[in-house]
Amino acid sequence: MSDSSVRKTVKERYGQAADAASRGAKASCCSPLGKTDPITRDLYDEAETGDVPAEAMLASLGCGNPTALAQLREGEVVLDLGSGGGIDVFLSARRVGPTGKAYGLDMTPRMLALARKNQKQAGVENVEFLEGTIENIPLPDGSIDVLISNCVINLSTDKEAVLREAFRVLKPGGRFAVSDIVLRRELPPETRKSMELWTGCVAGALVSDTYREMLAAAGFTAIEIEPTRVYTSDDVRELLSGSCGTCCGSKVEVDLDAIDGVVMSAFVRATRL
């Protein structure tokens, strides 16, 4: 699959997710409509999302809660790669306070429109949403204290470029604090080929050792990958039971035994010295 075809498909699926959230439907990592899936389910505590706009919650397609793990501090500048409806941007803005700032970057115009609508509804001033790709971040060198992302880097076909850009925009001492889908070992080739599973957050994921190597090559140190949820064959079966089990009108066949325990949500930490 070409880079452009992956990007086009990801952009369209996440645009559909924005439309679904605007209509009051809950999106999922696999499908923008219907019930949540085992990747996106139960990520946030209700106490921390009580004042987050409902449409931001409905558009959430993450696999973790990076804002809860990033140890954000008052006055810091945060960037969320692939910010979607804005939930992690709003939670970050609250944590860094009025002297800090939270940027959200997204390539999908419909998601950006939804996020800006949510910002207006929430009345949050220390937030700015930017249009662009995570491979080419539209911010200056050394302008960010903390870079977060929630189940987005796995979708890129040029992860080396993403990590180089992350390193570039971070200040010395800046922190990379990302929730992502990570593999414990390589996936079967037929799963890698599935476009639907790619846009469903699975087939584009890196093996953990490869993730570490790419971060180190980009210049990062103090690299840690902490599993937060490991998915069983039953979880994968549930993921495939919806529209992501069908690609181009035909059923996607996956060896569930071969994928059992291979896919995990993880918190990925690293530092720019």
C-alpha atoms as a PDB file:
ATOM      1  CA  MET A   1       0.000   0.000   0.000  1.00  0.00           C
ATOM      2  CA  SER A   2       1.330   3.449  -0.878  1.00  0.00           C
ATOM      3  CA  ASP A   3       1.871   6.230   1.664  1.00  0.00           C
ATOM      4  CA  SER A   4      -0.705   8.392  -0.106  1.00  0.00           C
ATOM      5  CA  SER A   5      -3.375   5.676  -0.092  1.00  0.00           C
ATOM      6  CA  VAL A   6      -2.872   5.002   3.619  1.00  0.00           C
ATOM      7  CA  ARG A   7      -3.053   8.715   4.422  1.00  0.00           C
ATOM      8  CA  LYS A   8      -6.169   9.161   2.289  1.00  0.00           C
ATOM      9  CA  THR A   9      -7.917   6.232   3.958  1.00  0.00           C
ATOM     10  CA  VAL A  10      -6.936   7.334   7.472  1.00  0.00           C
ATOM     11  CA  LYS A  11      -8.081  10.890   6.734  1.00  0.00           C
ATOM     12  CA  GLU A  12     -11.445   9.713   5.438  1.00  0.00           C
ATOM     13  CA  ARG A  13     -12.086   7.317   8.315  1.00  0.00           C
ATOM     14  CA  TYR A  14     -11.272   9.949  10.914  1.00  0.00           C
ATOM     15  CA  GLY A  15     -13.361  12.473   9.042  1.00  0.00           C
ATOM     16  CA  GLN A  16     -16.253  10.010   9.317  1.00  0.00           C
ATOM     17  CA  ALA A  17     -15.517   9.730  13.035  1.00  0.00           C
ATOM     18  CA  ALA A  18     -15.806  13.528  13.372  1.00  0.00           C
ATOM     19  CA  ASP A  19     -19.114  13.476  11.511  1.00  0.00           C
ATOM     20  CA  ALA A  20     -20.387  10.673  13.753  1.00  0.00           C
ATOM     21  CA  ALA A  21     -19.413  12.576  16.906  1.00  0.00           C
ATOM     22  CA  SER A  22     -21.166  15.692  15.607  1.00  0.00           C
ATOM     23  CA  ARG A  23     -24.333  13.587  15.253  1.00  0.00           C
ATOM     24  CA  GLY A  24     -23.951  12.262  18.793  1.00  0.00           C
ATOM     25  CA  ALA A  25     -22.649   8.789  17.884  1.00  0.00           C
ATOM     26  CA  LYS A  26     -19.659   7.217  19.622  1.00  0.00           C
ATOM     27  CA  ALA A  27     -16.683   6.553  17.350  1.00  0.00           C
ATOM     28  CA  SER A  28     -14.387   3.547  17.704  1.00  0.00           C
ATOM     29  CA  CYS A  29     -10.859   2.765  16.595  1.00  0.00           C
ATOM     30  CA  CYS A  30     -12.197   0.238  14.126  1.00  0.00           C
ATOM     31  CA  SER A  31     -15.346   1.953  13.001  1.00  0.00           C
ATOM     32  CA  PRO A  32     -16.574   5.532  13.340  1.00  0.00           C
ATOM     33  CA  LEU A  33     -20.060   4.323  14.211  1.00  0.00           C
ATOM     34  CA  GLY A  34     -21.569   2.072  16.808  1.00  0.00           C
ATOM     35  CA  LYS A  35     -20.186   0.611  20.003  1.00  0.00           C
ATOM     36  CA  THR A  36     -16.715   1.212  21.319  1.00  0.00           C
ATOM     37  CA  ASP A  37     -14.079  -1.447  20.728  1.00  0.00           C
ATOM     38  CA  PRO A  38     -11.578  -3.051  23.121  1.00  0.00           C
ATOM     39  CA  ILE A  39      -8.891  -0.521  22.160  1.00  0.00           C
ATOM     40  CA  THR A  40     -10.824   2.688  22.834  1.00  0.00           C
ATOM     41  CA  ARG A  41     -12.954   1.522  25.749  1.00  0.00           C
ATOM     42  CA  ASP A  42     -12.677   2.810  29.354  1.00  0.00           C
ATOM     43  CA  LEU A  43      -9.642   5.074  28.953  1.00  0.00           C
ATOM     44  CA  TYR A  44     -10.717   8.082  30.995  1.00  0.00           C
ATOM     45  CA  ASP A  45     -11.970   8.592  34.521  1.00  0.00           C
ATOM     46  CA  GLU A  46     -15.348  10.336  34.563  1.00  0.00           C
ATOM     47  CA  ALA A  47     -14.056  12.728  37.234  1.00  0.00           C
ATOM     48  CA  GLU A  48     -11.449  14.207  34.855  1.00  0.00           C
ATOM     49  CA  THR A  49     -13.758  14.503  31.845  1.00  0.00           C
ATOM     50  CA  GLY A  50     -16.802  16.009  33.531  1.00  0.00           C
ATOM     51  CA  ASP A  51     -16.344  19.433  31.907  1.00  0.00           C
ATOM     52  CA  VAL A  52     -15.017  18.145  28.559  1.00  0.00           C
ATOM     53  CA  PRO A  53     -17.525  18.714  25.704  1.00  0.00           C
ATOM     54  CA  ALA A  54     -19.494  15.563  24.889  1.00  0.00           C
ATOM     55  CA  GLU A  55     -18.499  15.668  21.219  1.00  0.00           C
ATOM     56  CA  ALA A  56     -14.807  15.610  22.177  1.00  0.00           C
ATOM     57  CA  MET A  57     -15.462  12.437  24.148  1.00  0.00           C
ATOM     58  CA  LEU A  58     -17.465  10.893  21.307  1.00  0.00           C
ATOM     59  CA  ALA A  59     -14.650  11.611  18.817  1.00  0.00           C
ATOM     60  CA  SER A  60     -11.974  10.064  21.036  1.00  0.00           C
ATOM     61  CA  LEU A  61     -10.156   7.294  19.156  1.00  0.00           C
ATOM     62  CA  GLY A  62      -7.230   6.761  21.498  1.00  0.00           C
ATOM     63  CA  CYS A  63      -5.713   3.683  23.100  1.00  0.00           C
ATOM     64  CA  GLY A  64      -4.631   5.274  26.372  1.00  0.00           C
ATOM     65  CA  ASN A  65      -4.660   8.404  28.498  1.00  0.00           C
ATOM     66  CA  PRO A  66      -1.310  10.133  27.911  1.00  0.00           C
ATOM     67  CA  THR A  67      -2.266  13.245  29.876  1.00  0.00           C
ATOM     68  CA  ALA A  68      -2.625  11.175  33.044  1.00  0.00           C
ATOM     69  CA  LEU A  69       0.841   9.649  32.586  1.00  0.00           C
ATOM     70  CA  ALA A  70       2.829  12.578  31.194  1.00  0.00           C
ATOM     71  CA  GLN A  71       3.172  14.387  34.557  1.00  0.00           C
ATOM     72  CA  LEU A  72       2.360  17.759  33.035  1.00  0.00           C
ATOM     73  CA  ARG A  73       3.340  20.786  35.070  1.00  0.00           C
ATOM     74  CA  GLU A  74       2.023  24.333  35.429  1.00  0.00           C
ATOM     75  CA  GLY A  75       3.303  26.627  32.688  1.00  0.00           C
ATOM     76  CA  GLU A  76       4.445  23.925  30.235  1.00  0.00           C
ATOM     77  CA  VAL A  77       3.764  23.964  26.502  1.00  0.00           C
ATOM     78  CA  VAL A  78       2.244  20.705  25.212  1.00  0.00           C
ATOM     79  CA  LEU A  79       1.700  19.395  21.688  1.00  0.00           C
ATOM     80  CA  ASP A  80      -0.766  16.597  20.900  1.00  0.00           C
ATOM     81  CA  LEU A  81      -0.038  14.816  17.599  1.00  0.00           C
ATOM     82  CA  GLY A  82      -3.271  13.755  15.916  1.00  0.00           C
ATOM     83  CA  SER A  83      -5.490  15.633  18.338  1.00  0.00           C
ATOM     84  CA  GLY A  84      -8.866  14.603  16.881  1.00  0.00           C
ATOM     85  CA  GLY A  85     -11.827  16.129  18.710  1.00  0.00           C
ATOM     86  CA  GLY A  86      -9.477  17.647  21.275  1.00  0.00           C
ATOM     87  CA  ILE A  87     -10.015  15.633  24.455  1.00  0.00           C
ATOM     88  CA  ASP A  88      -6.296  15.256  25.319  1.00  0.00           C
ATOM     89  CA  VAL A  89      -5.627  18.880  24.375  1.00  0.00           C
ATOM     90  CA  PHE A  90      -8.328  20.093  26.766  1.00  0.00           C
ATOM     91  CA  LEU A  91      -7.117  17.832  29.574  1.00  0.00           C
ATOM     92  CA  SER A  92      -3.533  19.039  28.967  1.00  0.00           C
ATOM     93  CA  ALA A  93      -4.607  22.681  28.962  1.00  0.00           C
ATOM     94  CA  ARG A  94      -6.212  22.187  32.353  1.00  0.00           C
ATOM     95  CA  ARG A  95      -3.054  20.570  33.760  1.00  0.00           C
ATOM     96  CA  VAL A  96      -0.624  23.245  32.496  1.00  0.00           C
ATOM     97  CA  GLY A  97      -2.901  26.072  33.590  1.00  0.00           C
ATOM     98  CA  PRO A  98      -3.302  29.592  32.214  1.00  0.00           C
ATOM     99  CA  THR A  99       0.464  30.197  32.097  1.00  0.00           C
ATOM    100  CA  GLY A 100       0.916  27.135  29.866  1.00  0.00           C
ATOM    101  CA  LYS A 101      -0.426  26.229  26.450  1.00  0.00           C
ATOM    102  CA  ALA A 102      -1.689  23.140  24.631  1.00  0.00           C
ATOM    103  CA  TYR A 103      -1.455  22.719  20.851  1.00  0.00           C
ATOM    104  CA  GLY A 104      -3.409  20.140  18.887  1.00  0.00           C
ATOM    105  CA  LEU A 105      -2.209  19.048  15.437  1.00  0.00           C
ATOM    106  CA  ASP A 106      -4.461  17.179  13.019  1.00  0.00           C
ATOM    107  CA  MET A 107      -4.570  16.648   9.258  1.00  0.00           C
ATOM    108  CA  THR A 108      -8.348  16.094   9.017  1.00  0.00           C
ATOM    109  CA  PRO A 109     -10.329  19.313   8.417  1.00  0.00           C
ATOM    110  CA  ARG A 110     -13.547  17.826   9.808  1.00  0.00           C
ATOM    111  CA  MET A 111     -11.774  16.866  13.048  1.00  0.00           C
ATOM    112  CA  LEU A 112     -10.234  20.342  13.324  1.00  0.00           C
ATOM    113  CA  ALA A 113     -13.633  21.955  12.821  1.00  0.00           C
ATOM    114  CA  LEU A 114     -15.074  19.744  15.550  1.00  0.00           C
ATOM    115  CA  ALA A 115     -12.159  20.471  17.900  1.00  0.00           C
ATOM    116  CA  ARG A 116     -12.495  24.234  17.435  1.00  0.00           C
ATOM    117  CA  LYS A 117     -16.226  23.988  18.037  1.00  0.00           C
ATOM    118  CA  ASN A 118     -15.508  22.034  21.222  1.00  0.00           C
ATOM    119  CA  GLN A 119     -12.942  24.649  22.304  1.00  0.00           C
ATOM    120  CA  LYS A 120     -15.506  27.420  21.886  1.00  0.00           C
ATOM    121  CA  GLN A 121     -18.079  25.421  23.834  1.00  0.00           C
ATOM    122  CA  ALA A 122     -15.595  24.692  26.631  1.00  0.00           C
ATOM    123  CA  GLY A 123     -14.371  28.301  26.763  1.00  0.00           C
ATOM    124  CA  VAL A 124     -10.717  27.198  26.880  1.00  0.00           C
ATOM    125  CA  GLU A 125      -8.293  29.987  25.945  1.00  0.00           C
ATOM    126  CA  ASN A 126      -4.832  28.382  26.316  1.00  0.00           C
ATOM    127  CA  VAL A 127      -5.420  26.032  23.356  1.00  0.00           C
ATOM    128  CA  GLU A 128      -4.602  26.284  19.645  1.00  0.00           C
ATOM    129  CA  PHE A 129      -5.432  23.751  16.940  1.00  0.00           C
ATOM    130  CA  LEU A 130      -3.140  23.484  13.906  1.00  0.00           C
ATOM    131  CA  GLU A 131      -3.683  21.798  10.555  1.00  0.00           C
ATOM    132  CA  GLY A 132      -0.834  19.626   9.305  1.00  0.00           C
ATOM    133  CA  THR A 133       0.745  16.201   9.316  1.00  0.00           C
ATOM    134  CA  ILE A 134       2.702  14.613  12.123  1.00  0.00           C
ATOM    135  CA  GLU A 135       5.571  14.011   9.685  1.00  0.00           C
ATOM    136  CA  ASN A 136       5.957  17.772   9.166  1.00  0.00           C
ATOM    137  CA  ILE A 137       4.984  19.607  12.353  1.00  0.00           C
ATOM    138  CA  PRO A 138       4.229  23.327  11.743  1.00  0.00           C
ATOM    139  CA  LEU A 139       6.031  24.606  14.857  1.00  0.00           C
ATOM    140  CA  PRO A 140       9.551  25.991  15.409  1.00  0.00           C
ATOM    141  CA  ASP A 141      12.525  24.047  16.717  1.00  0.00           C
ATOM    142  CA  GLY A 142      12.668  23.691  20.492  1.00  0.00           C
ATOM    143  CA  SER A 143       9.221  25.165  21.138  1.00  0.00           C
ATOM    144  CA  ILE A 144       7.539  22.345  23.099  1.00  0.00           C
ATOM    145  CA  ASP A 145       8.067  21.035  26.641  1.00  0.00           C
ATOM    146  CA  VAL A 146       6.009  17.848  26.293  1.00  0.00           C
ATOM    147  CA  LEU A 147       4.841  15.976  23.208  1.00  0.00           C
ATOM    148  CA  ILE A 148       1.887  13.642  23.620  1.00  0.00           C
ATOM    149  CA  SER A 149      -0.112  11.514  21.200  1.00  0.00           C
ATOM    150  CA  ASN A 150      -2.873   8.953  21.551  1.00  0.00           C
ATOM    151  CA  CYS A 151      -2.911   6.003  19.157  1.00  0.00           C
ATOM    152  CA  VAL A 152      -1.802   8.055  16.137  1.00  0.00           C
ATOM    153  CA  ILE A 153       1.907   7.440  15.450  1.00  0.00           C
ATOM    154  CA  ASN A 154       1.103   3.812  14.561  1.00  0.00           C
ATOM    155  CA  LEU A 155      -0.993   5.121  11.644  1.00  0.00           C
ATOM    156  CA  SER A 156       1.937   6.870   9.940  1.00  0.00           C
ATOM    157  CA  THR A 157       3.817   5.144   7.132  1.00  0.00           C
ATOM    158  CA  ASP A 158       6.945   7.214   7.889  1.00  0.00           C
ATOM    159  CA  LYS A 159       7.460   6.833  11.616  1.00  0.00           C
ATOM    160  CA  GLU A 160      11.139   7.804  11.391  1.00  0.00           C
ATOM    161  CA  ALA A 161      10.044  11.228  10.106  1.00  0.00           C
ATOM    162  CA  VAL A 162       7.479  11.545  12.919  1.00  0.00           C
ATOM    163  CA  LEU A 163      10.082  10.811  15.591  1.00  0.00           C
ATOM    164  CA  ARG A 164      12.658  13.152  14.029  1.00  0.00           C
ATOM    165  CA  GLU A 165      10.050  15.918  14.002  1.00  0.00           C
ATOM    166  CA  ALA A 166       9.093  15.148  17.599  1.00  0.00           C
ATOM    167  CA  PHE A 167      12.745  15.491  18.608  1.00  0.00           C
ATOM    168  CA  ARG A 168      13.111  18.729  16.629  1.00  0.00           C
ATOM    169  CA  VAL A 169      10.187  20.573  18.224  1.00  0.00           C
ATOM    170  CA  LEU A 170      11.009  19.510  21.788  1.00  0.00           C
ATOM    171  CA  LYS A 171      13.114  21.779  23.973  1.00  0.00           C
ATOM    172  CA  PRO A 172      16.297  20.359  25.545  1.00  0.00           C
ATOM    173  CA  GLY A 173      15.011  18.284  28.443  1.00  0.00           C
ATOM    174  CA  GLY A 174      11.638  17.961  26.704  1.00  0.00           C
ATOM    175  CA  ARG A 175       9.578  14.821  27.167  1.00  0.00           C
ATOM    176  CA  PHE A 176       8.027  12.414  24.660  1.00  0.00           C
ATOM    177  CA  ALA A 177       4.969  10.874  26.372  1.00  0.00           C
ATOM    178  CA  VAL A 178       2.851   8.873  23.958  1.00  0.00           C
ATOM    179  CA  SER A 179       0.119   6.264  24.211  1.00  0.00           C
ATOM    180  CA  ASP A 180       0.332   3.977  21.192  1.00  0.00           C
ATOM    181  CA  ILE A 181      -0.419   0.535  19.838  1.00  0.00           C
ATOM    182  CA  VAL A 182       2.772  -1.544  20.003  1.00  0.00           C
ATOM    183  CA  LEU A 183       3.493  -5.133  18.990  1.00  0.00           C
ATOM    184  CA  ARG A 184       5.256  -7.703  21.152  1.00  0.00           C
ATOM    185  CA  ARG A 185       6.389  -9.512  17.986  1.00  0.00           C
ATOM    186  CA  GLU A 186       5.763  -9.256  14.253  1.00  0.00           C
ATOM    187  CA  LEU A 187       2.231  -9.673  12.930  1.00  0.00           C
ATOM    188  CA  PRO A 188       1.369 -12.252  10.249  1.00  0.00           C
ATOM    189  CA  PRO A 189       1.835 -10.789   6.749  1.00  0.00           C
ATOM    190  CA  GLU A 190      -1.872 -11.012   5.881  1.00  0.00           C
ATOM    191  CA  THR A 191      -2.720  -8.788   8.851  1.00  0.00           C
ATOM    192  CA  ARG A 192      -0.123  -6.219   7.796  1.00  0.00           C
ATOM    193  CA  LYS A 193      -1.773  -6.066   4.386  1.00  0.00           C
ATOM    194  CA  SER A 194      -5.218  -5.186   5.698  1.00  0.00           C
ATOM    195  CA  MET A 195      -5.991  -1.514   5.110  1.00  0.00           C
ATOM    196  CA  GLU A 196      -8.958  -1.702   7.461  1.00  0.00           C
ATOM    197  CA  LEU A 197      -6.844  -3.021  10.306  1.00  0.00           C
ATOM    198  CA  TRP A 198      -4.255  -0.337   9.539  1.00  0.00           C
ATOM    199  CA  THR A 199      -6.839   2.412  10.016  1.00  0.00           C
ATOM    200  CA  GLY A 200      -8.133   0.405  12.984  1.00  0.00           C
ATOM    201  CA  CYS A 201      -4.849   1.047  14.826  1.00  0.00           C
ATOM    202  CA  VAL A 202      -3.359  -2.451  14.569  1.00  0.00           C
ATOM    203  CA  ALA A 203      -1.541  -3.292  11.350  1.00  0.00           C
ATOM    204  CA  GLY A 204       0.663  -0.179  11.260  1.00  0.00           C
ATOM    205  CA  ALA A 205       2.049  -0.682  14.766  1.00  0.00           C
ATOM    206  CA  LEU A 206       5.765  -1.156  15.479  1.00  0.00           C
ATOM    207  CA  VAL A 207       7.354  -4.042  17.340  1.00  0.00           C
ATOM    208  CA  SER A 208       8.563  -2.679  20.703  1.00  0.00           C
ATOM    209  CA  ASP A 209      12.270  -3.253  19.963  1.00  0.00           C
ATOM    210  CA  THR A 210      11.927  -1.420  16.645  1.00  0.00           C
ATOM    211  CA  TYR A 211      10.160   1.458  18.376  1.00  0.00           C
ATOM    212  CA  ARG A 212      13.083   1.759  20.811  1.00  0.00           C
ATOM    213  CA  GLU A 213      15.617   1.691  17.974  1.00  0.00           C
ATOM    214  CA  MET A 214      13.774   4.413  16.022  1.00  0.00           C
ATOM    215  CA  LEU A 215      13.526   6.652  19.085  1.00  0.00           C
ATOM    216  CA  ALA A 216      17.238   6.235  19.780  1.00  0.00           C
ATOM    217  CA  ALA A 217      18.092   6.931  16.129  1.00  0.00           C
ATOM    218  CA  ALA A 218      16.079  10.161  16.329  1.00  0.00           C
ATOM    219  CA  GLY A 219      18.223  11.232  19.309  1.00  0.00           C
ATOM    220  CA  PHE A 220      16.038  10.314  22.283  1.00  0.00           C
ATOM    221  CA  THR A 221      17.325   8.845  25.539  1.00  0.00           C
ATOM    222  CA  ALA A 222      15.726   7.315  28.668  1.00  0.00           C
ATOM    223  CA  ILE A 223      13.402   5.277  26.444  1.00  0.00           C
ATOM    224  CA  GLU A 224      10.716   3.209  28.176  1.00  0.00           C
ATOM    225  CA  ILE A 225       7.787   1.214  26.774  1.00  0.00           C
ATOM    226  CA  GLU A 226       5.258   0.284  29.453  1.00  0.00           C
ATOM    227  CA  PRO A 227       2.355  -2.040  28.501  1.00  0.00           C
ATOM    228  CA  THR A 228      -1.006  -0.722  29.653  1.00  0.00           C
ATOM    229  CA  ARG A 229      -3.308  -3.313  28.021  1.00  0.00           C
ATOM    230  CA  VAL A 230      -2.502  -6.552  26.162  1.00  0.00           C
ATOM    231  CA  TYR A 231      -5.148  -7.779  23.727  1.00  0.00           C
ATOM    232  CA  THR A 232      -6.300 -11.389  23.545  1.00  0.00           C
ATOM    233  CA  SER A 233      -7.711 -13.273  20.580  1.00  0.00           C
ATOM    234  CA  ASP A 234     -11.189 -12.523  21.979  1.00  0.00           C
ATOM    235  CA  ASP A 235     -10.423  -8.803  21.849  1.00  0.00           C
ATOM    236  CA  VAL A 236      -9.284  -9.129  18.235  1.00  0.00           C
ATOM    237  CA  ARG A 237     -12.431 -11.109  17.406  1.00  0.00           C
ATOM    238  CA  GLU A 238     -14.507  -8.246  18.839  1.00  0.00           C
ATOM    239  CA  LEU A 239     -12.481  -5.724  16.842  1.00  0.00           C
ATOM    240  CA  LEU A 240     -13.130  -7.697  13.662  1.00  0.00           C
ATOM    241  CA  SER A 241     -16.834  -8.194  14.358  1.00  0.00           C
ATOM    242  CA  GLY A 242     -17.649  -4.694  13.098  1.00  0.00           C
ATOM    243  CA  SER A 243     -16.977  -2.953   9.808  1.00  0.00           C
ATOM    244  CA  CYS A 244     -13.210  -3.330  10.182  1.00  0.00           C
ATOM    245  CA  GLY A 245     -13.666  -7.045   9.597  1.00  0.00           C
ATOM    246  CA  THR A 246     -14.553  -6.254   5.986  1.00  0.00           C
ATOM    247  CA  CYS A 247     -12.252  -4.639   3.438  1.00  0.00           C
ATOM    248  CA  CYS A 248     -13.380  -3.581  -0.050  1.00  0.00           C
ATOM    249  CA  GLY A 249     -16.529  -5.698   0.251  1.00  0.00           C
ATOM    250  CA  SER A 250     -14.790  -8.937   1.254  1.00  0.00           C
ATOM    251  CA  LYS A 251     -14.219 -10.464   4.669  1.00  0.00           C
ATOM    252  CA  VAL A 252     -10.799  -9.950   6.258  1.00  0.00           C
ATOM    253  CA  GLU A 253      -9.452 -13.307   7.463  1.00  0.00           C
ATOM    254  CA  VAL A 254      -7.089 -13.223  10.442  1.00  0.00           C
ATOM    255  CA  ASP A 255      -5.509 -16.141  12.301  1.00  0.00           C
ATOM    256  CA  LEU A 256      -6.644 -15.284  15.821  1.00  0.00           C
ATOM    257  CA  ASP A 257      -4.259 -17.739  17.468  1.00  0.00           C
ATOM    258  CA  ALA A 258      -1.318 -16.087  15.706  1.00  0.00           C
ATOM    259  CA  ILE A 259      -2.319 -12.622  16.929  1.00  0.00           C
ATOM    260  CA  ASP A 260      -3.325 -13.590  20.495  1.00  0.00           C
ATOM    261  CA  GLY A 261      -1.287 -11.511  22.958  1.00  0.00           C
ATOM    262  CA  VAL A 262       0.761  -9.835  20.213  1.00  0.00           C
ATOM    263  CA  VAL A 263      -0.924  -6.418  20.246  1.00  0.00           C
ATOM    264  CA  MET A 264      -0.775  -4.103  23.245  1.00  0.00           C
ATOM    265  CA  SER A 265      -1.544  -0.541  24.191  1.00  0.00           C
ATOM    266  CA  ALA A 266       1.567   0.974  25.730  1.00  0.00           C
ATOM    267  CA  PHE A 267       2.856   4.198  27.203  1.00  0.00           C
ATOM    268  CA  VAL A 268       6.040   5.221  25.408  1.00  0.00           C
ATOM    269  CA  ARG A 269       8.388   7.610  27.239  1.00  0.00           C
ATOM    270  CA  ALA A 270      11.594   9.239  26.071  1.00  0.00           C
ATOM    271  CA  THR A 271      13.604  12.412  26.697  1.00  0.00           C
ATOM    272  CA  ARG A 272      15.443  14.897  24.536  1.00  0.00           C
ATOM    273  CA  LEU A 273      18.637  15.851  26.356  1.00  0.00           C
END
